[in-house]
């Protein structure tokens, strides 16, 4: 017969700080920063065999779809249906984080700009081979950030790396007033708490704009009588 220790040895362990344990804290790009990054990448010369316009289009695609790096890395021409209504890109289950096939809608203008790149990529080949070498791509991305004048890490330690483009996608959905359920579906999350807590970054300006949806409670000039107003007695 075993005797259970009345005090678990685990009680001596201190609970860790999840913020300190996370490898990096990411932030969403502002609209201007995102435009600067795409423009800077598009206008920069070819790097490691990848033309600037291709990099700019990649950043735009991820910021508008929330594709993860591994998902974007594995895209081939067959994954795109650019003539569909709506145009889409399909992430196969083997490469999706959730382990399921996801059909992701594309904005029409982005689909049109992707058409030449997808057409010129041989079947079965990666549309964005730049993503195959992670370390090399991170150096290229950091260079594009620097050219755009966007800090990789802000004064609070929040990071604007490639995955931050996905954060930006979900944050922009929240800023645009998209319902939480739709945002969760577009982000392809299984847990809505992940969508709302980790990926939807709102600043004080966003919260201030949200207050504009509240009713105006300032006293208004009275028109007619309110049911609860005291009766008005007129003199004879």
C-alpha atoms as a PDB file:
ATOM      1  CA  UNK A   1       0.000   0.000   0.000  1.00  0.00           C
ATOM      2  CA  UNK A   2       1.533   3.256  -1.081  1.00  0.00           C
ATOM      3  CA  UNK A   3       1.440   6.393   0.987  1.00  0.00           C
ATOM      4  CA  UNK A   4       0.635   9.547  -0.912  1.00  0.00           C
ATOM      5  CA  UNK A   5       2.841  12.514  -0.146  1.00  0.00           C
ATOM      6  CA  UNK A   6       0.535  15.164   1.314  1.00  0.00           C
ATOM      7  CA  UNK A   7       2.476  17.900  -0.456  1.00  0.00           C
ATOM      8  CA  UNK A   8       3.082  17.678  -4.180  1.00  0.00           C
ATOM      9  CA  UNK A   9       6.655  18.517  -5.253  1.00  0.00           C
ATOM     10  CA  UNK A  10       5.142  20.588  -8.048  1.00  0.00           C
ATOM     11  CA  UNK A  11       3.874  23.133  -5.535  1.00  0.00           C
ATOM     12  CA  UNK A  12       7.431  24.408  -5.194  1.00  0.00           C
ATOM     13  CA  UNK A  13       7.539  25.391  -8.860  1.00  0.00           C
ATOM     14  CA  UNK A  14       6.718  28.975  -9.751  1.00  0.00           C
ATOM     15  CA  UNK A  15       4.285  29.729 -12.523  1.00  0.00           C
ATOM     16  CA  UNK A  16       6.065  31.135 -15.544  1.00  0.00           C
ATOM     17  CA  UNK A  17       5.215  34.393 -17.231  1.00  0.00           C
ATOM     18  CA  UNK A  18       3.744  33.453 -20.640  1.00  0.00           C
ATOM     19  CA  UNK A  19       4.799  36.797 -22.117  1.00  0.00           C
ATOM     20  CA  UNK A  20       8.419  36.142 -21.154  1.00  0.00           C
ATOM     21  CA  UNK A  21       8.260  32.591 -22.485  1.00  0.00           C
ATOM     22  CA  UNK A  22       7.005  33.534 -25.921  1.00  0.00           C
ATOM     23  CA  UNK A  23       9.827  33.718 -28.414  1.00  0.00           C
ATOM     24  CA  UNK A  24       8.762  37.099 -29.706  1.00  0.00           C
ATOM     25  CA  UNK A  25       5.886  39.484 -29.282  1.00  0.00           C
ATOM     26  CA  UNK A  26       4.499  40.542 -32.636  1.00  0.00           C
ATOM     27  CA  UNK A  27       2.587  43.649 -33.546  1.00  0.00           C
ATOM     28  CA  UNK A  28       0.402  44.597 -36.461  1.00  0.00           C
ATOM     29  CA  UNK A  29       1.686  46.948 -39.138  1.00  0.00           C
ATOM     30  CA  UNK A  30      -0.092  50.245 -39.533  1.00  0.00           C
ATOM     31  CA  UNK A  31      -1.690  50.887 -42.922  1.00  0.00           C
ATOM     32  CA  UNK A  32       1.087  53.322 -43.832  1.00  0.00           C
ATOM     33  CA  UNK A  33       3.850  50.924 -42.748  1.00  0.00           C
ATOM     34  CA  UNK A  34       2.326  48.182 -44.856  1.00  0.00           C
ATOM     35  CA  UNK A  35       2.144  50.424 -47.906  1.00  0.00           C
ATOM     36  CA  UNK A  36       5.736  51.572 -47.349  1.00  0.00           C
ATOM     37  CA  UNK A  37       6.949  47.971 -47.069  1.00  0.00           C
ATOM     38  CA  UNK A  38       5.195  46.829 -50.247  1.00  0.00           C
ATOM     39  CA  UNK A  39       6.371  49.874 -52.182  1.00  0.00           C
ATOM     40  CA  UNK A  40       9.949  49.559 -50.920  1.00  0.00           C
ATOM     41  CA  UNK A  41      10.130  45.860 -51.811  1.00  0.00           C
ATOM     42  CA  UNK A  42       8.585  46.447 -55.241  1.00  0.00           C
ATOM     43  CA  UNK A  43      11.048  49.220 -56.075  1.00  0.00           C
ATOM     44  CA  UNK A  44      14.165  47.489 -54.760  1.00  0.00           C
ATOM     45  CA  UNK A  45      16.363  45.541 -57.173  1.00  0.00           C
ATOM     46  CA  UNK A  46      16.382  41.783 -57.573  1.00  0.00           C
ATOM     47  CA  UNK A  47      17.832  40.032 -54.547  1.00  0.00           C
ATOM     48  CA  UNK A  48      18.950  36.385 -54.474  1.00  0.00           C
ATOM     49  CA  UNK A  49      17.239  35.904 -57.819  1.00  0.00           C
ATOM     50  CA  UNK A  50      13.892  37.282 -56.619  1.00  0.00           C
ATOM     51  CA  UNK A  51      12.634  40.470 -58.296  1.00  0.00           C
ATOM     52  CA  UNK A  52      11.357  43.234 -56.054  1.00  0.00           C
ATOM     53  CA  UNK A  53       7.809  43.183 -57.511  1.00  0.00           C
ATOM     54  CA  UNK A  54       7.486  39.490 -56.577  1.00  0.00           C
ATOM     55  CA  UNK A  55       8.400  40.242 -52.965  1.00  0.00           C
ATOM     56  CA  UNK A  56       5.980  43.142 -52.864  1.00  0.00           C
ATOM     57  CA  UNK A  57       3.217  40.921 -54.213  1.00  0.00           C
ATOM     58  CA  UNK A  58       4.025  38.222 -51.649  1.00  0.00           C
ATOM     59  CA  UNK A  59       3.746  40.682 -48.750  1.00  0.00           C
ATOM     60  CA  UNK A  60       0.477  41.996 -50.136  1.00  0.00           C
ATOM     61  CA  UNK A  61      -0.941  38.492 -50.568  1.00  0.00           C
ATOM     62  CA  UNK A  62      -0.121  37.489 -46.995  1.00  0.00           C
ATOM     63  CA  UNK A  63      -1.443  40.742 -45.516  1.00  0.00           C
ATOM     64  CA  UNK A  64      -4.742  40.211 -47.370  1.00  0.00           C
ATOM     65  CA  UNK A  65      -5.191  36.486 -46.681  1.00  0.00           C
ATOM     66  CA  UNK A  66      -3.347  35.737 -43.447  1.00  0.00           C
ATOM     67  CA  UNK A  67      -1.406  32.877 -45.045  1.00  0.00           C
ATOM     68  CA  UNK A  68       1.299  31.441 -42.816  1.00  0.00           C
ATOM     69  CA  UNK A  69       4.861  31.296 -44.128  1.00  0.00           C
ATOM     70  CA  UNK A  70       4.837  27.530 -44.634  1.00  0.00           C
ATOM     71  CA  UNK A  71       1.490  27.737 -46.422  1.00  0.00           C
ATOM     72  CA  UNK A  72       2.725  30.458 -48.787  1.00  0.00           C
ATOM     73  CA  UNK A  73       5.985  28.558 -49.318  1.00  0.00           C
ATOM     74  CA  UNK A  74       4.192  25.505 -50.706  1.00  0.00           C
ATOM     75  CA  UNK A  75       1.879  27.272 -53.135  1.00  0.00           C
ATOM     76  CA  UNK A  76       2.102  26.050 -56.731  1.00  0.00           C
ATOM     77  CA  UNK A  77       0.177  27.344 -59.781  1.00  0.00           C
ATOM     78  CA  UNK A  78      -2.375  24.567 -59.322  1.00  0.00           C
ATOM     79  CA  UNK A  79      -3.366  26.048 -55.954  1.00  0.00           C
ATOM     80  CA  UNK A  80      -4.712  29.215 -57.561  1.00  0.00           C
ATOM     81  CA  UNK A  81      -8.118  29.689 -59.171  1.00  0.00           C
ATOM     82  CA  UNK A  82      -7.723  33.252 -60.366  1.00  0.00           C
ATOM     83  CA  UNK A  83     -10.728  33.179 -62.696  1.00  0.00           C
ATOM     84  CA  UNK A  84     -13.176  31.929 -60.094  1.00  0.00           C
ATOM     85  CA  UNK A  85     -15.959  33.950 -58.535  1.00  0.00           C
ATOM     86  CA  UNK A  86     -14.471  34.738 -56.129  1.00  0.00           C
ATOM     87  CA  UNK A  87     -10.840  34.012 -57.024  1.00  0.00           C
ATOM     88  CA  UNK A  88      -9.219  31.693 -54.495  1.00  0.00           C
ATOM     89  CA  UNK A  89      -6.041  29.975 -53.405  1.00  0.00           C
ATOM     90  CA  UNK A  90      -6.188  26.513 -51.828  1.00  0.00           C
ATOM     91  CA  UNK A  91      -3.945  25.469 -48.955  1.00  0.00           C
ATOM     92  CA  UNK A  92      -3.678  21.695 -48.948  1.00  0.00           C
ATOM     93  CA  UNK A  93      -4.200  19.825 -45.695  1.00  0.00           C
ATOM     94  CA  UNK A  94      -0.622  18.543 -45.613  1.00  0.00           C
ATOM     95  CA  UNK A  95       0.690  22.100 -45.343  1.00  0.00           C
ATOM     96  CA  UNK A  96      -2.063  23.801 -43.329  1.00  0.00           C
ATOM     97  CA  UNK A  97      -1.483  24.211 -39.602  1.00  0.00           C
ATOM     98  CA  UNK A  98      -4.977  22.908 -38.802  1.00  0.00           C
ATOM     99  CA  UNK A  99      -4.408  19.814 -40.944  1.00  0.00           C
ATOM    100  CA  UNK A 100      -7.341  20.483 -43.249  1.00  0.00           C
ATOM    101  CA  UNK A 101      -7.702  21.805 -46.779  1.00  0.00           C
ATOM    102  CA  UNK A 102      -8.609  25.486 -46.776  1.00  0.00           C
ATOM    103  CA  UNK A 103      -9.944  27.479 -49.722  1.00  0.00           C
ATOM    104  CA  UNK A 104      -8.934  31.094 -49.144  1.00  0.00           C
ATOM    105  CA  UNK A 105     -10.655  33.927 -51.037  1.00  0.00           C
ATOM    106  CA  UNK A 106      -8.567  36.548 -52.814  1.00  0.00           C
ATOM    107  CA  UNK A 107      -9.306  40.172 -53.554  1.00  0.00           C
ATOM    108  CA  UNK A 108     -10.020  40.622 -57.257  1.00  0.00           C
ATOM    109  CA  UNK A 109      -7.292  43.223 -57.795  1.00  0.00           C
ATOM    110  CA  UNK A 110      -4.695  40.997 -56.129  1.00  0.00           C
ATOM    111  CA  UNK A 111      -5.803  37.995 -58.200  1.00  0.00           C
ATOM    112  CA  UNK A 112      -5.342  40.072 -61.352  1.00  0.00           C
ATOM    113  CA  UNK A 113      -1.820  41.074 -60.307  1.00  0.00           C
ATOM    114  CA  UNK A 114      -0.943  37.458 -59.484  1.00  0.00           C
ATOM    115  CA  UNK A 115      -2.019  36.161 -62.886  1.00  0.00           C
ATOM    116  CA  UNK A 116       1.261  36.764 -64.758  1.00  0.00           C
ATOM    117  CA  UNK A 117       3.425  35.358 -61.954  1.00  0.00           C
ATOM    118  CA  UNK A 118       1.298  32.218 -61.608  1.00  0.00           C
ATOM    119  CA  UNK A 119       1.140  31.733 -65.390  1.00  0.00           C
ATOM    120  CA  UNK A 120       4.934  31.940 -65.724  1.00  0.00           C
ATOM    121  CA  UNK A 121       5.608  29.456 -62.900  1.00  0.00           C
ATOM    122  CA  UNK A 122       5.948  25.830 -64.129  1.00  0.00           C
ATOM    123  CA  UNK A 123       3.326  23.425 -62.837  1.00  0.00           C
ATOM    124  CA  UNK A 124       4.374  21.776 -59.612  1.00  0.00           C
ATOM    125  CA  UNK A 125       6.939  24.473 -58.836  1.00  0.00           C
ATOM    126  CA  UNK A 126       6.718  26.959 -55.960  1.00  0.00           C
ATOM    127  CA  UNK A 127       5.306  30.343 -56.944  1.00  0.00           C
ATOM    128  CA  UNK A 128       7.373  31.943 -54.170  1.00  0.00           C
ATOM    129  CA  UNK A 129      10.606  29.897 -54.005  1.00  0.00           C
ATOM    130  CA  UNK A 130      12.155  32.738 -51.999  1.00  0.00           C
ATOM    131  CA  UNK A 131      10.483  31.179 -48.950  1.00  0.00           C
ATOM    132  CA  UNK A 132      12.321  27.862 -49.290  1.00  0.00           C
ATOM    133  CA  UNK A 133      15.401  29.201 -47.482  1.00  0.00           C
ATOM    134  CA  UNK A 134      14.050  30.635 -44.232  1.00  0.00           C
ATOM    135  CA  UNK A 135      17.252  32.320 -43.017  1.00  0.00           C
ATOM    136  CA  UNK A 136      17.957  33.910 -46.375  1.00  0.00           C
ATOM    137  CA  UNK A 137      14.398  35.123 -46.678  1.00  0.00           C
ATOM    138  CA  UNK A 138      14.506  36.681 -43.199  1.00  0.00           C
ATOM    139  CA  UNK A 139      17.567  38.690 -44.256  1.00  0.00           C
ATOM    140  CA  UNK A 140      15.757  39.845 -47.388  1.00  0.00           C
ATOM    141  CA  UNK A 141      12.647  40.772 -45.416  1.00  0.00           C
ATOM    142  CA  UNK A 142      14.696  42.731 -42.882  1.00  0.00           C
ATOM    143  CA  UNK A 143      16.313  44.578 -45.777  1.00  0.00           C
ATOM    144  CA  UNK A 144      12.920  45.471 -47.221  1.00  0.00           C
ATOM    145  CA  UNK A 145      11.790  46.692 -43.803  1.00  0.00           C
ATOM    146  CA  UNK A 146      14.866  48.882 -43.491  1.00  0.00           C
ATOM    147  CA  UNK A 147      14.345  50.311 -46.969  1.00  0.00           C
ATOM    148  CA  UNK A 148      10.751  51.112 -46.001  1.00  0.00           C
ATOM    149  CA  UNK A 149      11.847  52.906 -42.837  1.00  0.00           C
ATOM    150  CA  UNK A 150       9.897  50.462 -40.659  1.00  0.00           C
ATOM    151  CA  UNK A 151      11.550  49.323 -37.417  1.00  0.00           C
ATOM    152  CA  UNK A 152      11.848  45.568 -37.018  1.00  0.00           C
ATOM    153  CA  UNK A 153      11.347  45.991 -33.265  1.00  0.00           C
ATOM    154  CA  UNK A 154       9.640  48.983 -31.707  1.00  0.00           C
ATOM    155  CA  UNK A 155      10.531  50.732 -28.444  1.00  0.00           C
ATOM    156  CA  UNK A 156       8.282  48.376 -26.489  1.00  0.00           C
ATOM    157  CA  UNK A 157       9.991  45.298 -27.905  1.00  0.00           C
ATOM    158  CA  UNK A 158       7.164  44.294 -30.260  1.00  0.00           C
ATOM    159  CA  UNK A 159       8.370  42.705 -33.470  1.00  0.00           C
ATOM    160  CA  UNK A 160       7.294  43.341 -37.071  1.00  0.00           C
ATOM    161  CA  UNK A 161       8.505  40.172 -38.767  1.00  0.00           C
ATOM    162  CA  UNK A 162       6.984  38.271 -41.690  1.00  0.00           C
ATOM    163  CA  UNK A 163       4.417  36.512 -39.482  1.00  0.00           C
ATOM    164  CA  UNK A 164       3.320  39.962 -38.291  1.00  0.00           C
ATOM    165  CA  UNK A 165       1.665  40.312 -41.703  1.00  0.00           C
ATOM    166  CA  UNK A 166      -0.794  37.636 -40.556  1.00  0.00           C
ATOM    167  CA  UNK A 167      -1.335  39.557 -37.313  1.00  0.00           C
ATOM    168  CA  UNK A 168      -2.030  42.612 -39.458  1.00  0.00           C
ATOM    169  CA  UNK A 169      -4.607  40.704 -41.495  1.00  0.00           C
ATOM    170  CA  UNK A 170      -6.636  39.686 -38.436  1.00  0.00           C
ATOM    171  CA  UNK A 171      -6.224  43.085 -36.784  1.00  0.00           C
ATOM    172  CA  UNK A 172      -7.523  44.834 -39.900  1.00  0.00           C
ATOM    173  CA  UNK A 173     -10.569  42.562 -39.877  1.00  0.00           C
ATOM    174  CA  UNK A 174     -11.291  43.686 -36.320  1.00  0.00           C
ATOM    175  CA  UNK A 175     -10.731  47.331 -37.227  1.00  0.00           C
ATOM    176  CA  UNK A 176     -13.068  46.929 -40.178  1.00  0.00           C
ATOM    177  CA  UNK A 177     -15.936  45.783 -37.973  1.00  0.00           C
ATOM    178  CA  UNK A 178     -15.948  42.176 -39.191  1.00  0.00           C
ATOM    179  CA  UNK A 179     -17.848  39.890 -36.808  1.00  0.00           C
ATOM    180  CA  UNK A 180     -15.694  37.689 -34.539  1.00  0.00           C
ATOM    181  CA  UNK A 181     -17.069  34.514 -36.158  1.00  0.00           C
ATOM    182  CA  UNK A 182     -16.186  35.708 -39.661  1.00  0.00           C
ATOM    183  CA  UNK A 183     -12.745  36.841 -38.493  1.00  0.00           C
ATOM    184  CA  UNK A 184     -12.157  33.400 -36.968  1.00  0.00           C
ATOM    185  CA  UNK A 185     -13.199  31.723 -40.235  1.00  0.00           C
ATOM    186  CA  UNK A 186     -10.984  33.973 -42.359  1.00  0.00           C
ATOM    187  CA  UNK A 187      -8.040  33.462 -39.998  1.00  0.00           C
ATOM    188  CA  UNK A 188      -8.772  29.713 -40.150  1.00  0.00           C
ATOM    189  CA  UNK A 189      -8.634  29.361 -36.381  1.00  0.00           C
ATOM    190  CA  UNK A 190     -10.448  26.675 -34.412  1.00  0.00           C
ATOM    191  CA  UNK A 191     -10.551  28.751 -31.233  1.00  0.00           C
ATOM    192  CA  UNK A 192     -12.150  32.197 -31.336  1.00  0.00           C
ATOM    193  CA  UNK A 193     -10.178  33.183 -28.217  1.00  0.00           C
ATOM    194  CA  UNK A 194      -6.985  32.877 -30.235  1.00  0.00           C
ATOM    195  CA  UNK A 195      -8.421  35.208 -32.877  1.00  0.00           C
ATOM    196  CA  UNK A 196      -9.577  37.806 -30.387  1.00  0.00           C
ATOM    197  CA  UNK A 197      -6.848  37.707 -27.759  1.00  0.00           C
ATOM    198  CA  UNK A 198      -3.619  37.099 -29.644  1.00  0.00           C
ATOM    199  CA  UNK A 199      -4.214  38.213 -33.207  1.00  0.00           C
ATOM    200  CA  UNK A 200      -6.559  41.206 -32.917  1.00  0.00           C
ATOM    201  CA  UNK A 201      -4.374  44.105 -31.868  1.00  0.00           C
ATOM    202  CA  UNK A 202      -6.189  47.370 -31.277  1.00  0.00           C
ATOM    203  CA  UNK A 203      -4.612  50.614 -30.147  1.00  0.00           C
ATOM    204  CA  UNK A 204      -6.071  53.578 -28.332  1.00  0.00           C
ATOM    205  CA  UNK A 205      -6.955  55.231 -31.644  1.00  0.00           C
ATOM    206  CA  UNK A 206      -8.932  52.151 -32.707  1.00  0.00           C
ATOM    207  CA  UNK A 207     -10.754  52.081 -29.384  1.00  0.00           C
ATOM    208  CA  UNK A 208     -11.489  55.775 -29.600  1.00  0.00           C
ATOM    209  CA  UNK A 209     -13.015  55.332 -33.069  1.00  0.00           C
ATOM    210  CA  UNK A 210     -15.116  52.459 -31.760  1.00  0.00           C
ATOM    211  CA  UNK A 211     -16.710  54.827 -29.252  1.00  0.00           C
ATOM    212  CA  UNK A 212     -18.241  56.737 -32.161  1.00  0.00           C
ATOM    213  CA  UNK A 213     -20.702  53.857 -32.526  1.00  0.00           C
ATOM    214  CA  UNK A 214     -22.271  54.741 -29.171  1.00  0.00           C
ATOM    215  CA  UNK A 215     -25.381  56.934 -29.104  1.00  0.00           C
ATOM    216  CA  UNK A 216     -25.010  60.663 -28.549  1.00  0.00           C
ATOM    217  CA  UNK A 217     -26.169  61.251 -24.978  1.00  0.00           C
ATOM    218  CA  UNK A 218     -25.787  65.026 -24.900  1.00  0.00           C
ATOM    219  CA  UNK A 219     -28.938  66.878 -23.852  1.00  0.00           C
ATOM    220  CA  UNK A 220     -30.987  67.656 -26.921  1.00  0.00           C
ATOM    221  CA  UNK A 221     -33.540  70.451 -27.425  1.00  0.00           C
ATOM    222  CA  UNK A 222     -36.878  69.123 -26.229  1.00  0.00           C
ATOM    223  CA  UNK A 223     -39.396  68.339 -28.916  1.00  0.00           C
ATOM    224  CA  UNK A 224     -42.859  67.580 -27.579  1.00  0.00           C
ATOM    225  CA  UNK A 225     -43.228  66.075 -24.125  1.00  0.00           C
ATOM    226  CA  UNK A 226     -41.547  63.021 -22.635  1.00  0.00           C
ATOM    227  CA  UNK A 227     -43.819  60.441 -21.015  1.00  0.00           C
ATOM    228  CA  UNK A 228     -41.973  60.908 -17.712  1.00  0.00           C
ATOM    229  CA  UNK A 229     -41.905  64.703 -17.835  1.00  0.00           C
ATOM    230  CA  UNK A 230     -43.974  66.456 -15.142  1.00  0.00           C
ATOM    231  CA  UNK A 231     -47.206  67.956 -16.442  1.00  0.00           C
ATOM    232  CA  UNK A 232     -47.077  71.579 -17.494  1.00  0.00           C
ATOM    233  CA  UNK A 233     -49.708  73.698 -15.700  1.00  0.00           C
ATOM    234  CA  UNK A 234     -50.793  76.725 -17.626  1.00  0.00           C
ATOM    235  CA  UNK A 235     -52.143  79.735 -15.740  1.00  0.00           C
ATOM    236  CA  UNK A 236     -55.738  80.843 -16.247  1.00  0.00           C
END
